[in-house]
Amino acid sequence: MNIYSNHIQTLNHPIQTETKNKHHSSTHFSQVLKSTIEKVNQAQLASDAKTEALAKGKIEHLHDVMITAQKASIALETTVQIQRKVIDAYNEIMRMQV
């Protein structure tokens, strides 16, 4: 009795299921990009709202404001880095000789 064959079959099964599901999804790159930008915008707006509330004295804990601001900053930085990578990939594709 080979005990490893059961484990290998178990590991392969989720991969096959995931591959089948990918063919049925029809999410376009533009939709993903739009939703990501919207999430970054919401993070920026939440940061602005907490900063304004702190300035008005409605929030007593500075750390809540700083955490929200840092989350927004990280989201924006990540989005900019991804944008650069996409542009670099596009430029690389355009340089290919067909």
PDB file of N, CA and C in Angstrom:
ATOM      1  N   MET A   1       0.845  -1.189   0.000  1.00  0.00           N
ATOM      2  CA  MET A   1       0.000   0.000   0.000  1.00  0.00           C
ATOM      3  C   MET A   1       0.884   1.244   0.000  1.00  0.00           C
ATOM      4  N   ASN A   2       0.664   2.094  -0.960  1.00  0.00           N
ATOM      5  CA  ASN A   2       1.453   3.312  -1.080  1.00  0.00           C
ATOM      6  C   ASN A   2       0.715   4.460  -0.400  1.00  0.00           C
ATOM      7  N   ILE A   3       1.251   4.939   0.712  1.00  0.00           N
ATOM      8  CA  ILE A   3       0.574   5.994   1.472  1.00  0.00           C
ATOM      9  C   ILE A   3       0.727   7.358   0.819  1.00  0.00           C
ATOM     10  N   TYR A   4       1.707   7.514  -0.030  1.00  0.00           N
ATOM     11  CA  TYR A   4       1.938   8.807  -0.665  1.00  0.00           C
ATOM     12  C   TYR A   4       0.972   9.085  -1.813  1.00  0.00           C
ATOM     13  N   SER A   5       0.463   8.048  -2.453  1.00  0.00           N
ATOM     14  CA  SER A   5      -0.432   8.264  -3.591  1.00  0.00           C
ATOM     15  C   SER A   5      -1.723   8.950  -3.168  1.00  0.00           C
ATOM     16  N   ASN A   6      -2.238   8.640  -1.967  1.00  0.00           N
ATOM     17  CA  ASN A   6      -3.446   9.309  -1.483  1.00  0.00           C
ATOM     18  C   ASN A   6      -3.204  10.791  -1.248  1.00  0.00           C
ATOM     19  N   HIS A   7      -2.053  11.126  -0.716  1.00  0.00           N
ATOM     20  CA  HIS A   7      -1.733  12.527  -0.462  1.00  0.00           C
ATOM     21  C   HIS A   7      -1.556  13.303  -1.762  1.00  0.00           C
ATOM     22  N   ILE A   8      -0.941  12.676  -2.723  1.00  0.00           N
ATOM     23  CA  ILE A   8      -0.732  13.345  -4.006  1.00  0.00           C
ATOM     24  C   ILE A   8      -2.073  13.587  -4.696  1.00  0.00           C
ATOM     25  N   GLN A   9      -2.969  12.618  -4.637  1.00  0.00           N
ATOM     26  CA  GLN A   9      -4.288  12.804  -5.242  1.00  0.00           C
ATOM     27  C   GLN A   9      -5.059  13.901  -4.535  1.00  0.00           C
ATOM     28  N   THR A  10      -4.927  13.969  -3.213  1.00  0.00           N
ATOM     29  CA  THR A  10      -5.601  15.008  -2.450  1.00  0.00           C
ATOM     30  C   THR A  10      -5.057  16.382  -2.815  1.00  0.00           C
ATOM     31  N   LEU A  11      -3.759  16.473  -2.998  1.00  0.00           N
ATOM     32  CA  LEU A  11      -3.156  17.754  -3.359  1.00  0.00           C
ATOM     33  C   LEU A  11      -3.516  18.167  -4.780  1.00  0.00           C
ATOM     34  N   ASN A  12      -3.627  17.235  -5.686  1.00  0.00           N
ATOM     35  CA  ASN A  12      -3.947  17.557  -7.074  1.00  0.00           C
ATOM     36  C   ASN A  12      -5.398  17.939  -7.268  1.00  0.00           C
ATOM     37  N   HIS A  13      -6.295  17.427  -6.471  1.00  0.00           N
ATOM     38  CA  HIS A  13      -7.725  17.687  -6.651  1.00  0.00           C
ATOM     39  C   HIS A  13      -8.087  19.172  -6.540  1.00  0.00           C
ATOM     40  N   PRO A  14      -7.632  19.918  -5.515  1.00  0.00           N
ATOM     41  CA  PRO A  14      -7.987  21.347  -5.466  1.00  0.00           C
ATOM     42  C   PRO A  14      -7.451  22.138  -6.651  1.00  0.00           C
ATOM     43  N   ILE A  15      -6.301  21.747  -7.154  1.00  0.00           N
ATOM     44  CA  ILE A  15      -5.720  22.458  -8.287  1.00  0.00           C
ATOM     45  C   ILE A  15      -6.598  22.273  -9.521  1.00  0.00           C
ATOM     46  N   GLN A  16      -7.090  21.072  -9.745  1.00  0.00           N
ATOM     47  CA  GLN A  16      -7.947  20.809 -10.889  1.00  0.00           C
ATOM     48  C   GLN A  16      -9.256  21.571 -10.773  1.00  0.00           C
ATOM     49  N   THR A  17      -9.827  21.617  -9.586  1.00  0.00           N
ATOM     50  CA  THR A  17     -11.075  22.345  -9.372  1.00  0.00           C
ATOM     51  C   THR A  17     -10.873  23.829  -9.628  1.00  0.00           C
ATOM     52  N   GLU A  18      -9.761  24.377  -9.139  1.00  0.00           N
ATOM     53  CA  GLU A  18      -9.486  25.797  -9.322  1.00  0.00           C
ATOM     54  C   GLU A  18      -9.301  26.127 -10.799  1.00  0.00           C
ATOM     55  N   THR A  19      -8.640  25.263 -11.540  1.00  0.00           N
ATOM     56  CA  THR A  19      -8.430  25.488 -12.967  1.00  0.00           C
ATOM     57  C   THR A  19      -9.755  25.498 -13.713  1.00  0.00           C
ATOM     58  N   LYS A  20     -10.661  24.612 -13.362  1.00  0.00           N
ATOM     59  CA  LYS A  20     -11.968  24.577 -14.016  1.00  0.00           C
ATOM     60  C   LYS A  20     -12.752  25.847 -13.740  1.00  0.00           C
ATOM     61  N   ASN A  21     -12.673  26.353 -12.520  1.00  0.00           N
ATOM     62  CA  ASN A  21     -13.414  27.562 -12.163  1.00  0.00           C
ATOM     63  C   ASN A  21     -12.859  28.800 -12.864  1.00  0.00           C
ATOM     64  N   LYS A  22     -11.588  28.817 -13.165  1.00  0.00           N
ATOM     65  CA  LYS A  22     -10.989  29.983 -13.818  1.00  0.00           C
ATOM     66  C   LYS A  22     -11.527  30.161 -15.226  1.00  0.00           C
ATOM     67  N   HIS A  23     -11.872  29.075 -15.885  1.00  0.00           N
ATOM     68  CA  HIS A  23     -12.379  29.183 -17.242  1.00  0.00           C
ATOM     69  C   HIS A  23     -13.777  29.803 -17.274  1.00  0.00           C
ATOM     70  N   HIS A  24     -14.504  29.682 -16.187  1.00  0.00           N
ATOM     71  CA  HIS A  24     -15.867  30.189 -16.148  1.00  0.00           C
ATOM     72  C   HIS A  24     -15.939  31.649 -15.714  1.00  0.00           C
ATOM     73  N   SER A  25     -14.905  32.147 -15.070  1.00  0.00           N
ATOM     74  CA  SER A  25     -14.975  33.544 -14.634  1.00  0.00           C
ATOM     75  C   SER A  25     -14.641  34.454 -15.816  1.00  0.00           C
ATOM     76  N   SER A  26     -15.317  35.576 -15.843  1.00  0.00           N
ATOM     77  CA  SER A  26     -15.107  36.495 -16.961  1.00  0.00           C
ATOM     78  C   SER A  26     -14.796  37.893 -16.439  1.00  0.00           C
ATOM     79  N   THR A  27     -13.925  37.965 -15.442  1.00  0.00           N
ATOM     80  CA  THR A  27     -13.520  39.256 -14.904  1.00  0.00           C
ATOM     81  C   THR A  27     -12.484  39.856 -15.839  1.00  0.00           C
ATOM     82  N   HIS A  28     -12.751  41.044 -16.298  1.00  0.00           N
ATOM     83  CA  HIS A  28     -11.832  41.723 -17.203  1.00  0.00           C
ATOM     84  C   HIS A  28     -10.808  42.521 -16.403  1.00  0.00           C
ATOM     85  N   PHE A  29      -9.673  42.738 -17.010  1.00  0.00           N
ATOM     86  CA  PHE A  29      -8.610  43.487 -16.359  1.00  0.00           C
ATOM     87  C   PHE A  29      -9.084  44.885 -15.989  1.00  0.00           C
ATOM     88  N   SER A  30      -9.865  45.499 -16.844  1.00  0.00           N
ATOM     89  CA  SER A  30     -10.343  46.850 -16.562  1.00  0.00           C
ATOM     90  C   SER A  30     -11.246  46.880 -15.328  1.00  0.00           C
ATOM     91  N   GLN A  31     -12.036  45.834 -15.123  1.00  0.00           N
ATOM     92  CA  GLN A  31     -12.893  45.761 -13.941  1.00  0.00           C
ATOM     93  C   GLN A  31     -12.060  45.610 -12.673  1.00  0.00           C
ATOM     94  N   VAL A  32     -11.036  44.780 -12.745  1.00  0.00           N
ATOM     95  CA  VAL A  32     -10.152  44.586 -11.596  1.00  0.00           C
ATOM     96  C   VAL A  32      -9.423  45.884 -11.281  1.00  0.00           C
ATOM     97  N   LEU A  33      -8.949  46.543 -12.310  1.00  0.00           N
ATOM     98  CA  LEU A  33      -8.240  47.806 -12.125  1.00  0.00           C
ATOM     99  C   LEU A  33      -9.149  48.864 -11.518  1.00  0.00           C
ATOM    100  N   LYS A  34     -10.361  48.959 -12.021  1.00  0.00           N
ATOM    101  CA  LYS A  34     -11.315  49.950 -11.518  1.00  0.00           C
ATOM    102  C   LYS A  34     -11.661  49.692 -10.052  1.00  0.00           C
ATOM    103  N   SER A  35     -11.901  48.433  -9.687  1.00  0.00           N
ATOM    104  CA  SER A  35     -12.247  48.126  -8.294  1.00  0.00           C
ATOM    105  C   SER A  35     -11.064  48.358  -7.365  1.00  0.00           C
ATOM    106  N   THR A  36      -9.856  48.089  -7.835  1.00  0.00           N
ATOM    107  CA  THR A  36      -8.668  48.323  -7.016  1.00  0.00           C
ATOM    108  C   THR A  36      -8.461  49.810  -6.770  1.00  0.00           C
ATOM    109  N   ILE A  37      -8.622  50.601  -7.804  1.00  0.00           N
ATOM    110  CA  ILE A  37      -8.478  52.052  -7.648  1.00  0.00           C
ATOM    111  C   ILE A  37      -9.552  52.593  -6.714  1.00  0.00           C
ATOM    112  N   GLU A  38     -10.741  52.049  -6.804  1.00  0.00           N
ATOM    113  CA  GLU A  38     -11.826  52.471  -5.916  1.00  0.00           C
ATOM    114  C   GLU A  38     -11.497  52.131  -4.457  1.00  0.00           C
ATOM    115  N   LYS A  39     -10.912  50.964  -4.219  1.00  0.00           N
ATOM    116  CA  LYS A  39     -10.532  50.584  -2.850  1.00  0.00           C
ATOM    117  C   LYS A  39      -9.438  51.500  -2.307  1.00  0.00           C
ATOM    118  N   VAL A  40      -8.484  51.845  -3.140  1.00  0.00           N
ATOM    119  CA  VAL A  40      -7.422  52.767  -2.719  1.00  0.00           C
ATOM    120  C   VAL A  40      -8.024  54.131  -2.411  1.00  0.00           C
ATOM    121  N   ASN A  41      -8.948  54.574  -3.231  1.00  0.00           N
ATOM    122  CA  ASN A  41      -9.612  55.851  -3.006  1.00  0.00           C
ATOM    123  C   ASN A  41     -10.391  55.837  -1.692  1.00  0.00           C
ATOM    124  N   GLN A  42     -11.086  54.738  -1.408  1.00  0.00           N
ATOM    125  CA  GLN A  42     -11.823  54.628  -0.154  1.00  0.00           C
ATOM    126  C   GLN A  42     -10.879  54.669   1.049  1.00  0.00           C
ATOM    127  N   ALA A  43      -9.715  54.044   0.924  1.00  0.00           N
ATOM    128  CA  ALA A  43      -8.732  54.088   2.008  1.00  0.00           C
ATOM    129  C   ALA A  43      -8.231  55.513   2.228  1.00  0.00           C
ATOM    130  N   GLN A  44      -8.006  56.249   1.144  1.00  0.00           N
ATOM    131  CA  GLN A  44      -7.570  57.637   1.255  1.00  0.00           C
ATOM    132  C   GLN A  44      -8.654  58.507   1.891  1.00  0.00           C
ATOM    133  N   LEU A  45      -9.908  58.280   1.489  1.00  0.00           N
ATOM    134  CA  LEU A  45     -11.013  59.054   2.057  1.00  0.00           C
ATOM    135  C   LEU A  45     -11.200  58.755   3.542  1.00  0.00           C
ATOM    136  N   ALA A  46     -11.035  57.487   3.932  1.00  0.00           N
ATOM    137  CA  ALA A  46     -11.136  57.123   5.349  1.00  0.00           C
ATOM    138  C   ALA A  46     -10.023  57.780   6.156  1.00  0.00           C
ATOM    139  N   SER A  47      -8.838  57.833   5.588  1.00  0.00           N
ATOM    140  CA  SER A  47      -7.714  58.487   6.252  1.00  0.00           C
ATOM    141  C   SER A  47      -7.981  59.977   6.416  1.00  0.00           C
ATOM    142  N   ASP A  48      -8.485  60.609   5.367  1.00  0.00           N
ATOM    143  CA  ASP A  48      -8.809  62.036   5.437  1.00  0.00           C
ATOM    144  C   ASP A  48      -9.883  62.316   6.483  1.00  0.00           C
ATOM    145  N   ALA A  49     -10.897  61.448   6.543  1.00  0.00           N
ATOM    146  CA  ALA A  49     -11.990  61.642   7.501  1.00  0.00           C
ATOM    147  C   ALA A  49     -11.485  61.513   8.935  1.00  0.00           C
ATOM    148  N   LYS A  50     -10.627  60.523   9.184  1.00  0.00           N
ATOM    149  CA  LYS A  50     -10.101  60.364  10.546  1.00  0.00           C
ATOM    150  C   LYS A  50      -9.168  61.505  10.915  1.00  0.00           C
ATOM    151  N   THR A  51      -8.391  61.980   9.963  1.00  0.00           N
ATOM    152  CA  THR A  51      -7.500  63.110  10.235  1.00  0.00           C
ATOM    153  C   THR A  51      -8.303  64.358  10.566  1.00  0.00           C
ATOM    154  N   GLU A  52      -9.367  64.585   9.815  1.00  0.00           N
ATOM    155  CA  GLU A  52     -10.237  65.730  10.071  1.00  0.00           C
ATOM    156  C   GLU A  52     -10.924  65.603  11.429  1.00  0.00           C
ATOM    157  N   ALA A  53     -11.364  64.405  11.773  1.00  0.00           N
ATOM    158  CA  ALA A  53     -12.011  64.185  13.072  1.00  0.00           C
ATOM    159  C   ALA A  53     -11.026  64.403  14.216  1.00  0.00           C
ATOM    160  N   LEU A  54      -9.768  64.039  14.014  1.00  0.00           N
ATOM    161  CA  LEU A  54      -8.749  64.274  15.028  1.00  0.00           C
ATOM    162  C   LEU A  54      -8.513  65.767  15.209  1.00  0.00           C
ATOM    163  N   ALA A  55      -8.465  66.491  14.091  1.00  0.00           N
ATOM    164  CA  ALA A  55      -8.251  67.937  14.157  1.00  0.00           C
ATOM    165  C   ALA A  55      -9.407  68.642  14.862  1.00  0.00           C
ATOM    166  N   LYS A  56     -10.610  68.101  14.717  1.00  0.00           N
ATOM    167  CA  LYS A  56     -11.778  68.702  15.363  1.00  0.00           C
ATOM    168  C   LYS A  56     -11.942  68.250  16.813  1.00  0.00           C
ATOM    169  N   GLY A  57     -11.107  67.301  17.238  1.00  0.00           N
ATOM    170  CA  GLY A  57     -11.173  66.836  18.613  1.00  0.00           C
ATOM    171  C   GLY A  57     -12.172  65.722  18.849  1.00  0.00           C
ATOM    172  N   LYS A  58     -12.684  65.130  17.789  1.00  0.00           N
ATOM    173  CA  LYS A  58     -13.670  64.057  17.922  1.00  0.00           C
ATOM    174  C   LYS A  58     -13.014  62.703  18.192  1.00  0.00           C
ATOM    175  N   ILE A  59     -11.750  62.568  17.851  1.00  0.00           N
ATOM    176  CA  ILE A  59     -11.001  61.325  18.087  1.00  0.00           C
ATOM    177  C   ILE A  59      -9.888  61.636  19.073  1.00  0.00           C
ATOM    178  N   GLU A  60      -9.821  60.832  20.129  1.00  0.00           N
ATOM    179  CA  GLU A  60      -8.805  61.055  21.155  1.00  0.00           C
ATOM    180  C   GLU A  60      -7.548  60.230  20.928  1.00  0.00           C
ATOM    181  N   HIS A  61      -7.665  59.138  20.196  1.00  0.00           N
ATOM    182  CA  HIS A  61      -6.537  58.228  20.029  1.00  0.00           C
ATOM    183  C   HIS A  61      -5.815  58.501  18.714  1.00  0.00           C
ATOM    184  N   LEU A  62      -4.632  59.005  18.834  1.00  0.00           N
ATOM    185  CA  LEU A  62      -3.828  59.325  17.660  1.00  0.00           C
ATOM    186  C   LEU A  62      -3.455  58.065  16.881  1.00  0.00           C
ATOM    187  N   HIS A  63      -3.265  56.955  17.591  1.00  0.00           N
ATOM    188  CA  HIS A  63      -2.824  55.746  16.909  1.00  0.00           C
ATOM    189  C   HIS A  63      -3.852  55.240  15.893  1.00  0.00           C
ATOM    190  N   ASP A  64      -5.141  55.437  16.135  1.00  0.00           N
ATOM    191  CA  ASP A  64      -6.158  55.044  15.152  1.00  0.00           C
ATOM    192  C   ASP A  64      -5.992  55.821  13.851  1.00  0.00           C
ATOM    193  N   VAL A  65      -5.728  57.094  13.988  1.00  0.00           N
ATOM    194  CA  VAL A  65      -5.548  57.954  12.818  1.00  0.00           C
ATOM    195  C   VAL A  65      -4.279  57.560  12.071  1.00  0.00           C
ATOM    196  N   MET A  66      -3.211  57.297  12.815  1.00  0.00           N
ATOM    197  CA  MET A  66      -1.940  56.946  12.185  1.00  0.00           C
ATOM    198  C   MET A  66      -2.018  55.594  11.477  1.00  0.00           C
ATOM    199  N   ILE A  67      -2.720  54.635  12.072  1.00  0.00           N
ATOM    200  CA  ILE A  67      -2.880  53.325  11.433  1.00  0.00           C
ATOM    201  C   ILE A  67      -3.668  53.454  10.137  1.00  0.00           C
ATOM    202  N   THR A  68      -4.740  54.223  10.169  1.00  0.00           N
ATOM    203  CA  THR A  68      -5.550  54.430   8.964  1.00  0.00           C
ATOM    204  C   THR A  68      -4.744  55.146   7.882  1.00  0.00           C
ATOM    205  N   ALA A  69      -3.966  56.134   8.279  1.00  0.00           N
ATOM    206  CA  ALA A  69      -3.142  56.863   7.314  1.00  0.00           C
ATOM    207  C   ALA A  69      -2.076  55.954   6.714  1.00  0.00           C
ATOM    208  N   GLN A  70      -1.489  55.097   7.541  1.00  0.00           N
ATOM    209  CA  GLN A  70      -0.453  54.189   7.037  1.00  0.00           C
ATOM    210  C   GLN A  70      -1.045  53.156   6.087  1.00  0.00           C
ATOM    211  N   LYS A  71      -2.231  52.653   6.392  1.00  0.00           N
ATOM    212  CA  LYS A  71      -2.900  51.713   5.485  1.00  0.00           C
ATOM    213  C   LYS A  71      -3.153  52.364   4.132  1.00  0.00           C
ATOM    214  N   ALA A  72      -3.614  53.598   4.147  1.00  0.00           N
ATOM    215  CA  ALA A  72      -3.866  54.314   2.897  1.00  0.00           C
ATOM    216  C   ALA A  72      -2.567  54.538   2.129  1.00  0.00           C
ATOM    217  N   SER A  73      -1.515  54.863   2.848  1.00  0.00           N
ATOM    218  CA  SER A  73      -0.220  55.091   2.211  1.00  0.00           C
ATOM    219  C   SER A  73       0.314  53.812   1.564  1.00  0.00           C
ATOM    220  N   ILE A  74       0.214  52.709   2.284  1.00  0.00           N
ATOM    221  CA  ILE A  74       0.685  51.429   1.740  1.00  0.00           C
ATOM    222  C   ILE A  74      -0.140  51.029   0.525  1.00  0.00           C
ATOM    223  N   ALA A  75      -1.445  51.231   0.587  1.00  0.00           N
ATOM    224  CA  ALA A  75      -2.303  50.901  -0.556  1.00  0.00           C
ATOM    225  C   ALA A  75      -1.918  51.723  -1.780  1.00  0.00           C
ATOM    226  N   LEU A  76      -1.669  53.006  -1.577  1.00  0.00           N
ATOM    227  CA  LEU A  76      -1.290  53.872  -2.701  1.00  0.00           C
ATOM    228  C   LEU A  76       0.072  53.488  -3.261  1.00  0.00           C
ATOM    229  N   GLU A  77       1.036  53.233  -2.385  1.00  0.00           N
ATOM    230  CA  GLU A  77       2.375  52.850  -2.843  1.00  0.00           C
ATOM    231  C   GLU A  77       2.337  51.539  -3.621  1.00  0.00           C
ATOM    232  N   THR A  78       1.562  50.588  -3.130  1.00  0.00           N
ATOM    233  CA  THR A  78       1.435  49.308  -3.822  1.00  0.00           C
ATOM    234  C   THR A  78       0.797  49.481  -5.195  1.00  0.00           C
ATOM    235  N   THR A  79      -0.217  50.314  -5.270  1.00  0.00           N
ATOM    236  CA  THR A  79      -0.881  50.568  -6.543  1.00  0.00           C
ATOM    237  C   THR A  79       0.072  51.215  -7.543  1.00  0.00           C
ATOM    238  N   VAL A  80       0.868  52.144  -7.081  1.00  0.00           N
ATOM    239  CA  VAL A  80       1.841  52.808  -7.965  1.00  0.00           C
ATOM    240  C   VAL A  80       2.890  51.810  -8.444  1.00  0.00           C
ATOM    241  N   GLN A  81       3.354  50.931  -7.557  1.00  0.00           N
ATOM    242  CA  GLN A  81       4.337  49.931  -7.965  1.00  0.00           C
ATOM    243  C   GLN A  81       3.761  48.967  -8.992  1.00  0.00           C
ATOM    244  N   ILE A  82       2.508  48.572  -8.784  1.00  0.00           N
ATOM    245  CA  ILE A  82       1.863  47.677  -9.749  1.00  0.00           C
ATOM    246  C   ILE A  82       1.687  48.385 -11.087  1.00  0.00           C
ATOM    247  N   GLN A  83       1.340  49.666 -11.040  1.00  0.00           N
ATOM    248  CA  GLN A  83       1.204  50.437 -12.275  1.00  0.00           C
ATOM    249  C   GLN A  83       2.527  50.454 -13.036  1.00  0.00           C
ATOM    250  N   ARG A  84       3.617  50.670 -12.330  1.00  0.00           N
ATOM    251  CA  ARG A  84       4.940  50.687 -12.982  1.00  0.00           C
ATOM    252  C   ARG A  84       5.265  49.334 -13.604  1.00  0.00           C
ATOM    253  N   LYS A  85       4.939  48.259 -12.886  1.00  0.00           N
ATOM    254  CA  LYS A  85       5.199  46.920 -13.418  1.00  0.00           C
ATOM    255  C   LYS A  85       4.367  46.653 -14.673  1.00  0.00           C
ATOM    256  N   VAL A  86       3.120  47.080 -14.669  1.00  0.00           N
ATOM    257  CA  VAL A  86       2.257  46.880 -15.838  1.00  0.00           C
ATOM    258  C   VAL A  86       2.792  47.673 -17.028  1.00  0.00           C
ATOM    259  N   ILE A  87       3.217  48.892 -16.792  1.00  0.00           N
ATOM    260  CA  ILE A  87       3.772  49.712 -17.873  1.00  0.00           C
ATOM    261  C   ILE A  87       5.060  49.102 -18.400  1.00  0.00           C
ATOM    262  N   ASP A  88       5.915  48.612 -17.498  1.00  0.00           N
ATOM    263  CA  ASP A  88       7.146  47.953 -17.930  1.00  0.00           C
ATOM    264  C   ASP A  88       6.849  46.708 -18.764  1.00  0.00           C
ATOM    265  N   ALA A  89       5.858  45.932 -18.337  1.00  0.00           N
ATOM    266  CA  ALA A  89       5.484  44.732 -19.093  1.00  0.00           C
ATOM    267  C   ALA A  89       4.937  45.106 -20.464  1.00  0.00           C
ATOM    268  N   TYR A  90       4.125  46.152 -20.520  1.00  0.00           N
ATOM    269  CA  TYR A  90       3.582  46.617 -21.800  1.00  0.00           C
ATOM    270  C   TYR A  90       4.710  47.060 -22.726  1.00  0.00           C
ATOM    271  N   ASN A  91       5.651  47.833 -22.191  1.00  0.00           N
ATOM    272  CA  ASN A  91       6.776  48.288 -23.011  1.00  0.00           C
ATOM    273  C   ASN A  91       7.617  47.116 -23.502  1.00  0.00           C
ATOM    274  N   GLU A  92       7.783  46.107 -22.661  1.00  0.00           N
ATOM    275  CA  GLU A  92       8.538  44.924 -23.056  1.00  0.00           C
ATOM    276  C   GLU A  92       7.822  44.179 -24.190  1.00  0.00           C
ATOM    277  N   ILE A  93       6.513  44.082 -24.089  1.00  0.00           N
ATOM    278  CA  ILE A  93       5.736  43.427 -25.149  1.00  0.00           C
ATOM    279  C   ILE A  93       5.836  44.221 -26.446  1.00  0.00           C
ATOM    280  N   MET A  94       5.805  45.538 -26.356  1.00  0.00           N
ATOM    281  CA  MET A  94       5.883  46.371 -27.553  1.00  0.00           C
ATOM    282  C   MET A  94       7.258  46.272 -28.218  1.00  0.00           C
ATOM    283  N   ARG A  95       8.300  45.973 -27.448  1.00  0.00           N
ATOM    284  CA  ARG A  95       9.642  45.841 -28.014  1.00  0.00           C
ATOM    285  C   ARG A  95       9.879  44.488 -28.679  1.00  0.00           C
ATOM    286  N   MET A  96       8.975  43.533 -28.448  1.00  0.00           N
ATOM    287  CA  MET A  96       9.147  42.203 -29.036  1.00  0.00           C
ATOM    288  C   MET A  96       9.012  42.267 -30.550  1.00  0.00           C
ATOM    289  N   GLN A  97       9.849  41.508 -31.202  1.00  0.00           N
ATOM    290  CA  GLN A  97       9.764  41.423 -32.659  1.00  0.00           C
ATOM    291  C   GLN A  97       8.926  40.218 -33.018  1.00  0.00           C
ATOM    292  N   VAL A  98       7.973  40.451 -33.873  1.00  0.00           N
ATOM    293  CA  VAL A  98       7.068  39.362 -34.268  1.00  0.00           C
ATOM    294  C   VAL A  98       7.464  38.822 -35.606  1.00  0.00           C
TER     295      VAL A  98
END
